[in-house]
Amino acid sequence: MSDPPIPEEILSHYDAIEEGNRLQSGDGRLEMARTRLLLTRYLPDPPAVVLDIGGGPGTHAIWLAELGHQVHLRDIIPKHIDQAIAAATTPLASAAVGDARRLDFADGSADAVLLLGPLYHLTTATDRLAALGEARRVLPPGGLIAAAAISRFASALDGQWRNFVADPAFFERVTRTLADGQHRNPTDDPSYFTTAYFHRPDELAGELAAAGFTDVRVEPVEGIGWIMPDFDARWADPDARDTILELIEHTAGVPELLGVSQHLLAFGRRD
């Protein structure tokens, strides 16, 4: 039985935007810095076999390859794979179009699996568990998973911050997302994102546990560090940037603040 197709609006969204630029500006730079800090903390030392599943145009895959890891990139968007191959300064072990729910890797063949995007767009628990199950299959006992999710409260916080909530269509979507995690964009504005599922922190941990992962820990990516009117100016100042990152570290273990982070990154071990 084949997997349900990826909704066309998701494919069209990523065809229309340049995902590689998102982490190069605004608070995307904080997302990239924190993601890399956390991956460095949890990943095995290089060289390790790392599967970057749903890795977009290879932003993290290329960086990991430069660190000495053997990185295999898969993404559902053909444009992303072409961009990653063109941008790679250190060759990737492989790069091809692929679906997180059906991986073309042998059982136990990877040291670590990154799912830094697929759980956003797999809007049913069945599909998310299928992707997590595939990640578990290709890991040996003790192998590492790093799975990213968007916080249930991200659109409400960002929408309030940028006043998207003044748009009745956006506000109506926010109230639905808060209720059931299902985010939809009824407009043609890519700033409102696309079809996605937004997790509560405990829900993300529960899905990893249900898929057979142990020692699960959910980390904030941006944490409290993105909610400031002068982010660009502070990020440009090395001392202020260090302060932002240090405050995130000091508050990372506070459960009540996890949902404030736009993105969450869960780590676990294959049992």
C-alpha atoms as a PDB file:
ATOM      1  CA  MET A   1       0.000   0.000   0.000  1.00  0.00           C
ATOM      2  CA  SER A   2       1.486   3.357  -1.011  1.00  0.00           C
ATOM      3  CA  ASP A   3       1.815   6.313   1.323  1.00  0.00           C
ATOM      4  CA  PRO A   4      -0.723   9.148   0.986  1.00  0.00           C
ATOM      5  CA  PRO A   5       0.627  11.838  -1.333  1.00  0.00           C
ATOM      6  CA  ILE A   6       2.158  15.007   0.065  1.00  0.00           C
ATOM      7  CA  PRO A   7      -0.503  17.758  -0.328  1.00  0.00           C
ATOM      8  CA  GLU A   8       0.076  19.875  -3.407  1.00  0.00           C
ATOM      9  CA  GLU A   9       0.025  23.138  -1.445  1.00  0.00           C
ATOM     10  CA  ILE A  10       3.092  22.000   0.536  1.00  0.00           C
ATOM     11  CA  LEU A  11       5.014  21.146  -2.627  1.00  0.00           C
ATOM     12  CA  SER A  12       3.975  24.433  -4.230  1.00  0.00           C
ATOM     13  CA  HIS A  13       5.003  26.419  -1.130  1.00  0.00           C
ATOM     14  CA  TYR A  14       8.570  25.143  -1.232  1.00  0.00           C
ATOM     15  CA  ASP A  15       8.777  25.483  -5.003  1.00  0.00           C
ATOM     16  CA  ALA A  16       7.761  29.143  -4.656  1.00  0.00           C
ATOM     17  CA  ILE A  17      10.156  30.150  -1.864  1.00  0.00           C
ATOM     18  CA  GLU A  18      13.890  29.829  -1.301  1.00  0.00           C
ATOM     19  CA  GLU A  19      14.092  27.739   1.854  1.00  0.00           C
ATOM     20  CA  GLY A  20      17.854  28.104   1.919  1.00  0.00           C
ATOM     21  CA  ASN A  21      17.508  31.843   2.570  1.00  0.00           C
ATOM     22  CA  ARG A  22      15.236  31.457   5.596  1.00  0.00           C
ATOM     23  CA  LEU A  23      18.037  30.582   8.002  1.00  0.00           C
ATOM     24  CA  GLN A  24      20.218  33.433   6.773  1.00  0.00           C
ATOM     25  CA  SER A  25      18.108  36.339   8.003  1.00  0.00           C
ATOM     26  CA  GLY A  26      15.995  37.494  10.943  1.00  0.00           C
ATOM     27  CA  ASP A  27      15.457  35.016  13.747  1.00  0.00           C
ATOM     28  CA  GLY A  28      16.187  32.213  11.276  1.00  0.00           C
ATOM     29  CA  ARG A  29      19.820  32.829  12.200  1.00  0.00           C
ATOM     30  CA  LEU A  30      19.000  31.993  15.805  1.00  0.00           C
ATOM     31  CA  GLU A  31      17.234  28.818  14.681  1.00  0.00           C
ATOM     32  CA  MET A  32      20.298  27.757  12.695  1.00  0.00           C
ATOM     33  CA  ALA A  33      22.785  28.591  15.453  1.00  0.00           C
ATOM     34  CA  ARG A  34      20.821  26.754  18.139  1.00  0.00           C
ATOM     35  CA  THR A  35      20.086  23.762  15.923  1.00  0.00           C
ATOM     36  CA  ARG A  36      23.777  23.355  15.173  1.00  0.00           C
ATOM     37  CA  LEU A  37      24.732  23.815  18.810  1.00  0.00           C
ATOM     38  CA  LEU A  38      22.284  21.090  19.859  1.00  0.00           C
ATOM     39  CA  LEU A  39      23.315  18.721  17.073  1.00  0.00           C
ATOM     40  CA  THR A  40      26.964  19.160  18.014  1.00  0.00           C
ATOM     41  CA  ARG A  41      26.053  18.349  21.618  1.00  0.00           C
ATOM     42  CA  TYR A  42      24.107  15.176  20.864  1.00  0.00           C
ATOM     43  CA  LEU A  43      25.588  13.684  17.679  1.00  0.00           C
ATOM     44  CA  PRO A  44      28.412  11.140  17.854  1.00  0.00           C
ATOM     45  CA  ASP A  45      31.856  12.366  16.945  1.00  0.00           C
ATOM     46  CA  PRO A  46      32.687  12.298  13.227  1.00  0.00           C
ATOM     47  CA  PRO A  47      32.895  10.279  11.192  1.00  0.00           C
ATOM     48  CA  ALA A  48      29.354   9.014  11.711  1.00  0.00           C
ATOM     49  CA  VAL A  49      26.725   7.951   9.188  1.00  0.00           C
ATOM     50  CA  VAL A  50      24.032  10.633   9.408  1.00  0.00           C
ATOM     51  CA  LEU A  51      20.781  10.554   7.454  1.00  0.00           C
ATOM     52  CA  ASP A  52      19.386  14.063   6.982  1.00  0.00           C
ATOM     53  CA  ILE A  53      15.791  13.271   6.075  1.00  0.00           C
ATOM     54  CA  GLY A  54      13.728  16.210   4.867  1.00  0.00           C
ATOM     55  CA  GLY A  55      16.906  18.283   4.968  1.00  0.00           C
ATOM     56  CA  GLY A  56      15.790  20.838   2.388  1.00  0.00           C
ATOM     57  CA  PRO A  57      18.568  22.377   0.284  1.00  0.00           C
ATOM     58  CA  GLY A  58      21.236  20.828   2.478  1.00  0.00           C
ATOM     59  CA  THR A  59      21.965  23.660   4.921  1.00  0.00           C
ATOM     60  CA  HIS A  60      22.762  21.295   7.786  1.00  0.00           C
ATOM     61  CA  ALA A  61      23.819  18.331   5.634  1.00  0.00           C
ATOM     62  CA  ILE A  62      26.625  20.304   4.000  1.00  0.00           C
ATOM     63  CA  TRP A  63      27.794  21.650   7.358  1.00  0.00           C
ATOM     64  CA  LEU A  64      27.843  18.132   8.848  1.00  0.00           C
ATOM     65  CA  ALA A  65      29.764  16.792   5.858  1.00  0.00           C
ATOM     66  CA  GLU A  66      32.328  19.548   6.330  1.00  0.00           C
ATOM     67  CA  LEU A  67      32.714  18.378   9.950  1.00  0.00           C
ATOM     68  CA  GLY A  68      33.644  14.917   8.658  1.00  0.00           C
ATOM     69  CA  HIS A  69      30.351  13.032   8.861  1.00  0.00           C
ATOM     70  CA  GLN A  70      29.122  10.720   6.097  1.00  0.00           C
ATOM     71  CA  VAL A  71      25.837  12.462   5.288  1.00  0.00           C
ATOM     72  CA  HIS A  72      22.980  11.159   3.162  1.00  0.00           C
ATOM     73  CA  LEU A  73      20.401  13.811   2.256  1.00  0.00           C
ATOM     74  CA  ARG A  74      16.811  13.074   1.313  1.00  0.00           C
ATOM     75  CA  ASP A  75      14.054  15.599   0.617  1.00  0.00           C
ATOM     76  CA  ILE A  76      10.653  15.482  -1.038  1.00  0.00           C
ATOM     77  CA  ILE A  77      11.329  18.605  -3.146  1.00  0.00           C
ATOM     78  CA  PRO A  78      13.533  17.928  -6.236  1.00  0.00           C
ATOM     79  CA  LYS A  79      14.660  21.583  -6.327  1.00  0.00           C
ATOM     80  CA  HIS A  80      16.157  21.207  -2.857  1.00  0.00           C
ATOM     81  CA  ILE A  81      18.236  18.215  -3.865  1.00  0.00           C
ATOM     82  CA  ASP A  82      19.569  20.039  -6.934  1.00  0.00           C
ATOM     83  CA  GLN A  83      20.459  23.053  -4.786  1.00  0.00           C
ATOM     84  CA  ALA A  84      22.233  20.913  -2.186  1.00  0.00           C
ATOM     85  CA  ILE A  85      24.339  19.122  -4.780  1.00  0.00           C
ATOM     86  CA  ALA A  86      25.304  22.433  -6.372  1.00  0.00           C
ATOM     87  CA  ALA A  87      26.162  24.065  -3.027  1.00  0.00           C
ATOM     88  CA  ALA A  88      28.089  21.201  -1.410  1.00  0.00           C
ATOM     89  CA  THR A  89      31.706  22.167  -0.812  1.00  0.00           C
ATOM     90  CA  THR A  90      32.372  18.734   0.706  1.00  0.00           C
ATOM     91  CA  PRO A  91      30.663  15.937  -1.206  1.00  0.00           C
ATOM     92  CA  LEU A  92      27.607  14.388   0.409  1.00  0.00           C
ATOM     93  CA  ALA A  93      27.541  10.602   0.631  1.00  0.00           C
ATOM     94  CA  SER A  94      24.311  10.756  -1.348  1.00  0.00           C
ATOM     95  CA  ALA A  95      21.501  13.183  -2.151  1.00  0.00           C
ATOM     96  CA  ALA A  96      18.190  12.135  -3.660  1.00  0.00           C
ATOM     97  CA  VAL A  97      14.458  12.763  -3.573  1.00  0.00           C
ATOM     98  CA  GLY A  98      12.880  10.698  -0.843  1.00  0.00           C
ATOM     99  CA  ASP A  99       9.940  10.399   1.541  1.00  0.00           C
ATOM    100  CA  ALA A 100      10.499  10.177   5.300  1.00  0.00           C
ATOM    101  CA  ARG A 101       7.800   7.517   5.529  1.00  0.00           C
ATOM    102  CA  ARG A 102       9.675   5.125   3.229  1.00  0.00           C
ATOM    103  CA  LEU A 103      13.461   5.316   3.413  1.00  0.00           C
ATOM    104  CA  ASP A 104      15.831   3.670   0.952  1.00  0.00           C
ATOM    105  CA  PHE A 105      18.328   2.570   3.609  1.00  0.00           C
ATOM    106  CA  ALA A 106      18.980  -0.830   5.151  1.00  0.00           C
ATOM    107  CA  ASP A 107      18.041  -1.751   8.696  1.00  0.00           C
ATOM    108  CA  GLY A 108      20.541  -0.471  11.251  1.00  0.00           C
ATOM    109  CA  SER A 109      22.664   1.297   8.633  1.00  0.00           C
ATOM    110  CA  ALA A 110      22.913   4.774  10.219  1.00  0.00           C
ATOM    111  CA  ASP A 111      24.386   6.145  13.419  1.00  0.00           C
ATOM    112  CA  ALA A 112      21.955   9.068  13.534  1.00  0.00           C
ATOM    113  CA  VAL A 113      18.797  10.214  11.768  1.00  0.00           C
ATOM    114  CA  LEU A 114      17.732  13.841  11.502  1.00  0.00           C
ATOM    115  CA  LEU A 115      14.076  14.636  10.904  1.00  0.00           C
ATOM    116  CA  LEU A 116      14.372  18.424  10.901  1.00  0.00           C
ATOM    117  CA  GLY A 117      11.306  19.061   8.779  1.00  0.00           C
ATOM    118  CA  PRO A 118       9.119  16.043   8.013  1.00  0.00           C
ATOM    119  CA  LEU A 119       7.100  16.111  11.232  1.00  0.00           C
ATOM    120  CA  TYR A 120       5.950  19.646  10.361  1.00  0.00           C
ATOM    121  CA  HIS A 121       4.090  18.502   7.283  1.00  0.00           C
ATOM    122  CA  LEU A 122       2.880  15.031   8.198  1.00  0.00           C
ATOM    123  CA  THR A 123      -0.444  16.156   9.592  1.00  0.00           C
ATOM    124  CA  THR A 124      -1.732  12.791  10.824  1.00  0.00           C
ATOM    125  CA  ALA A 125      -0.324  10.855  13.756  1.00  0.00           C
ATOM    126  CA  THR A 126      -0.238   7.770  11.520  1.00  0.00           C
ATOM    127  CA  ASP A 127       2.115   9.428   9.043  1.00  0.00           C
ATOM    128  CA  ARG A 128       4.314  10.909  11.754  1.00  0.00           C
ATOM    129  CA  LEU A 129       4.647   7.544  13.452  1.00  0.00           C
ATOM    130  CA  ALA A 130       5.465   5.997  10.068  1.00  0.00           C
ATOM    131  CA  ALA A 131       8.349   8.454   9.631  1.00  0.00           C
ATOM    132  CA  LEU A 132       9.554   7.880  13.183  1.00  0.00           C
ATOM    133  CA  GLY A 133       9.252   4.132  12.664  1.00  0.00           C
ATOM    134  CA  GLU A 134      11.412   4.326   9.552  1.00  0.00           C
ATOM    135  CA  ALA A 135      13.994   6.323  11.481  1.00  0.00           C
ATOM    136  CA  ARG A 136      14.021   3.650  14.165  1.00  0.00           C
ATOM    137  CA  ARG A 137      14.350   0.885  11.569  1.00  0.00           C
ATOM    138  CA  VAL A 138      17.519   2.306  10.010  1.00  0.00           C
ATOM    139  CA  LEU A 139      19.194   2.880  13.389  1.00  0.00           C
ATOM    140  CA  PRO A 140      21.020   0.241  15.432  1.00  0.00           C
ATOM    141  CA  PRO A 141      20.260  -0.114  19.146  1.00  0.00           C
ATOM    142  CA  GLY A 142      21.472   3.066  20.827  1.00  0.00           C
ATOM    143  CA  GLY A 143      21.342   5.061  17.573  1.00  0.00           C
ATOM    144  CA  LEU A 144      20.284   8.702  17.804  1.00  0.00           C
ATOM    145  CA  ILE A 145      17.225  10.450  16.423  1.00  0.00           C
ATOM    146  CA  ALA A 146      16.858  14.237  16.291  1.00  0.00           C
ATOM    147  CA  ALA A 147      13.309  15.234  15.355  1.00  0.00           C
ATOM    148  CA  ALA A 148      12.166  18.833  14.974  1.00  0.00           C
ATOM    149  CA  ALA A 149       8.650  20.151  15.442  1.00  0.00           C
ATOM    150  CA  ILE A 150       6.944  23.524  15.330  1.00  0.00           C
ATOM    151  CA  SER A 151       5.471  24.595  18.652  1.00  0.00           C
ATOM    152  CA  ARG A 152       1.688  24.556  18.981  1.00  0.00           C
ATOM    153  CA  PHE A 153       1.869  28.220  20.000  1.00  0.00           C
ATOM    154  CA  ALA A 154       4.207  29.450  17.251  1.00  0.00           C
ATOM    155  CA  SER A 155       1.584  30.958  14.956  1.00  0.00           C
ATOM    156  CA  ALA A 156      -0.201  32.693  17.840  1.00  0.00           C
ATOM    157  CA  LEU A 157       3.021  34.217  19.165  1.00  0.00           C
ATOM    158  CA  ASP A 158       4.459  35.138  15.773  1.00  0.00           C
ATOM    159  CA  GLY A 159       1.073  36.321  14.518  1.00  0.00           C
ATOM    160  CA  GLN A 160       0.671  38.591  17.516  1.00  0.00           C
ATOM    161  CA  TRP A 161       4.279  39.819  17.229  1.00  0.00           C
ATOM    162  CA  ARG A 162       3.968  40.715  13.524  1.00  0.00           C
ATOM    163  CA  ASN A 163       0.259  41.605  13.781  1.00  0.00           C
ATOM    164  CA  PHE A 164      -0.827  38.947  11.319  1.00  0.00           C
ATOM    165  CA  VAL A 165      -3.735  38.422  13.721  1.00  0.00           C
ATOM    166  CA  ALA A 166      -5.254  41.648  12.379  1.00  0.00           C
ATOM    167  CA  ASP A 167      -6.155  39.588   9.317  1.00  0.00           C
ATOM    168  CA  PRO A 168      -9.399  37.750  10.192  1.00  0.00           C
ATOM    169  CA  ALA A 169      -8.425  34.781   7.997  1.00  0.00           C
ATOM    170  CA  PHE A 170      -5.141  34.373   9.864  1.00  0.00           C
ATOM    171  CA  PHE A 171      -6.784  34.823  13.255  1.00  0.00           C
ATOM    172  CA  GLU A 172      -9.344  32.137  12.462  1.00  0.00           C
ATOM    173  CA  ARG A 173      -6.520  29.756  11.537  1.00  0.00           C
ATOM    174  CA  VAL A 174      -4.643  30.563  14.745  1.00  0.00           C
ATOM    175  CA  THR A 175      -7.611  29.601  16.904  1.00  0.00           C
ATOM    176  CA  ARG A 176      -7.915  26.287  15.072  1.00  0.00           C
ATOM    177  CA  THR A 177      -4.203  25.586  15.412  1.00  0.00           C
ATOM    178  CA  LEU A 178      -4.329  26.256  19.138  1.00  0.00           C
ATOM    179  CA  ALA A 179      -7.209  23.816  19.439  1.00  0.00           C
ATOM    180  CA  ASP A 180      -5.957  20.868  17.395  1.00  0.00           C
ATOM    181  CA  GLY A 181      -2.486  21.635  16.028  1.00  0.00           C
ATOM    182  CA  GLN A 182      -3.668  21.744  12.416  1.00  0.00           C
ATOM    183  CA  HIS A 183      -2.274  24.816  10.657  1.00  0.00           C
ATOM    184  CA  ARG A 184      -3.653  25.842   7.285  1.00  0.00           C
ATOM    185  CA  ASN A 185      -3.058  28.827   5.004  1.00  0.00           C
ATOM    186  CA  PRO A 186      -6.190  29.806   3.057  1.00  0.00           C
ATOM    187  CA  THR A 187      -4.356  32.716   1.384  1.00  0.00           C
ATOM    188  CA  ASP A 188      -1.647  33.051  -1.239  1.00  0.00           C
ATOM    189  CA  ASP A 189       0.704  34.725   1.246  1.00  0.00           C
ATOM    190  CA  PRO A 190       3.704  32.434   1.922  1.00  0.00           C
ATOM    191  CA  SER A 191       4.405  34.387   5.128  1.00  0.00           C
ATOM    192  CA  TYR A 192       1.459  32.493   6.597  1.00  0.00           C
ATOM    193  CA  PHE A 193       3.337  29.209   5.952  1.00  0.00           C
ATOM    194  CA  THR A 194       1.516  26.176   4.552  1.00  0.00           C
ATOM    195  CA  THR A 195      -0.287  23.010   5.616  1.00  0.00           C
ATOM    196  CA  ALA A 196       1.393  21.769   8.786  1.00  0.00           C
ATOM    197  CA  TYR A 197       0.996  20.207  12.191  1.00  0.00           C
ATOM    198  CA  PHE A 198       2.176  22.056  15.323  1.00  0.00           C
ATOM    199  CA  HIS A 199       3.128  20.002  18.403  1.00  0.00           C
ATOM    200  CA  ARG A 200       2.810  20.510  22.098  1.00  0.00           C
ATOM    201  CA  PRO A 201       6.186  19.697  23.699  1.00  0.00           C
ATOM    202  CA  ASP A 202       4.870  16.717  25.673  1.00  0.00           C
ATOM    203  CA  GLU A 203       3.098  15.425  22.578  1.00  0.00           C
ATOM    204  CA  LEU A 204       6.362  15.422  20.612  1.00  0.00           C
ATOM    205  CA  ALA A 205       8.074  13.462  23.366  1.00  0.00           C
ATOM    206  CA  GLY A 206       5.140  11.044  23.462  1.00  0.00           C
ATOM    207  CA  GLU A 207       5.325  10.361  19.730  1.00  0.00           C
ATOM    208  CA  LEU A 208       9.013   9.484  19.949  1.00  0.00           C
ATOM    209  CA  ALA A 209       8.312   7.194  22.879  1.00  0.00           C
ATOM    210  CA  ALA A 210       5.422   5.551  21.013  1.00  0.00           C
ATOM    211  CA  ALA A 211       7.775   4.878  18.090  1.00  0.00           C
ATOM    212  CA  GLY A 212      10.179   2.998  20.367  1.00  0.00           C
ATOM    213  CA  PHE A 213      12.701   5.653  21.347  1.00  0.00           C
ATOM    214  CA  THR A 214      14.006   5.996  24.881  1.00  0.00           C
ATOM    215  CA  ASP A 215      15.884   8.687  26.828  1.00  0.00           C
ATOM    216  CA  VAL A 216      13.765  11.270  25.017  1.00  0.00           C
ATOM    217  CA  ARG A 217      14.582  14.903  25.703  1.00  0.00           C
ATOM    218  CA  VAL A 218      12.833  17.898  24.123  1.00  0.00           C
ATOM    219  CA  GLU A 219      15.013  20.984  23.712  1.00  0.00           C
ATOM    220  CA  PRO A 220      13.899  24.506  22.765  1.00  0.00           C
ATOM    221  CA  VAL A 221      15.514  25.807  19.596  1.00  0.00           C
ATOM    222  CA  GLU A 222      14.898  29.572  19.724  1.00  0.00           C
ATOM    223  CA  GLY A 223      13.571  29.383  23.282  1.00  0.00           C
ATOM    224  CA  ILE A 224      12.846  32.845  24.658  1.00  0.00           C
ATOM    225  CA  GLY A 225      15.501  34.387  22.416  1.00  0.00           C
ATOM    226  CA  TRP A 226      13.416  35.449  19.440  1.00  0.00           C
ATOM    227  CA  ILE A 227      10.793  37.677  21.084  1.00  0.00           C
ATOM    228  CA  MET A 228      12.395  41.120  20.948  1.00  0.00           C
ATOM    229  CA  PRO A 229      11.717  44.172  18.765  1.00  0.00           C
ATOM    230  CA  ASP A 230      15.386  44.804  17.985  1.00  0.00           C
ATOM    231  CA  PHE A 231      16.523  41.245  17.273  1.00  0.00           C
ATOM    232  CA  ASP A 232      18.574  42.160  14.198  1.00  0.00           C
ATOM    233  CA  ALA A 233      20.563  44.820  16.052  1.00  0.00           C
ATOM    234  CA  ARG A 234      21.236  42.562  19.021  1.00  0.00           C
ATOM    235  CA  TRP A 235      22.218  39.603  16.853  1.00  0.00           C
ATOM    236  CA  ALA A 236      24.698  41.810  14.997  1.00  0.00           C
ATOM    237  CA  ASP A 237      26.435  42.643  18.308  1.00  0.00           C
ATOM    238  CA  PRO A 238      28.638  39.671  19.369  1.00  0.00           C
ATOM    239  CA  ASP A 239      28.215  40.388  23.087  1.00  0.00           C
ATOM    240  CA  ALA A 240      24.438  40.743  22.817  1.00  0.00           C
ATOM    241  CA  ARG A 241      24.279  37.582  20.697  1.00  0.00           C
ATOM    242  CA  ASP A 242      26.171  35.653  23.368  1.00  0.00           C
ATOM    243  CA  THR A 243      23.734  36.970  25.981  1.00  0.00           C
ATOM    244  CA  ILE A 244      20.750  35.755  23.934  1.00  0.00           C
ATOM    245  CA  LEU A 245      22.254  32.287  23.593  1.00  0.00           C
ATOM    246  CA  GLU A 246      23.209  32.134  27.265  1.00  0.00           C
ATOM    247  CA  LEU A 247      19.710  33.087  28.415  1.00  0.00           C
ATOM    248  CA  ILE A 248      18.229  30.357  26.221  1.00  0.00           C
ATOM    249  CA  GLU A 249      20.558  27.860  27.893  1.00  0.00           C
ATOM    250  CA  HIS A 250      19.564  29.054  31.359  1.00  0.00           C
ATOM    251  CA  THR A 251      15.847  28.648  30.592  1.00  0.00           C
ATOM    252  CA  ALA A 252      16.008  25.545  28.364  1.00  0.00           C
ATOM    253  CA  GLY A 253      15.096  23.205  31.193  1.00  0.00           C
ATOM    254  CA  VAL A 254      11.990  25.111  32.298  1.00  0.00           C
ATOM    255  CA  PRO A 255       8.981  23.062  31.117  1.00  0.00           C
ATOM    256  CA  GLU A 256       6.608  26.031  31.246  1.00  0.00           C
ATOM    257  CA  LEU A 257       8.712  27.903  28.672  1.00  0.00           C
ATOM    258  CA  LEU A 258       9.208  25.124  26.117  1.00  0.00           C
ATOM    259  CA  GLY A 259       6.153  26.092  24.084  1.00  0.00           C
ATOM    260  CA  VAL A 260       7.412  29.674  23.696  1.00  0.00           C
ATOM    261  CA  SER A 261      10.115  28.409  21.361  1.00  0.00           C
ATOM    262  CA  GLN A 262       9.023  28.497  17.731  1.00  0.00           C
ATOM    263  CA  HIS A 263      10.754  25.186  17.092  1.00  0.00           C
ATOM    264  CA  LEU A 264      11.398  22.187  19.293  1.00  0.00           C
ATOM    265  CA  LEU A 265      14.096  19.569  18.816  1.00  0.00           C
ATOM    266  CA  ALA A 266      13.582  16.154  20.389  1.00  0.00           C
ATOM    267  CA  PHE A 267      16.407  13.664  20.853  1.00  0.00           C
ATOM    268  CA  GLY A 268      16.045  10.008  21.623  1.00  0.00           C
ATOM    269  CA  ARG A 269      17.793   6.637  21.397  1.00  0.00           C
ATOM    270  CA  ARG A 270      16.627   3.533  19.603  1.00  0.00           C
ATOM    271  CA  ASP A 271      15.759   0.901  22.201  1.00  0.00           C
END
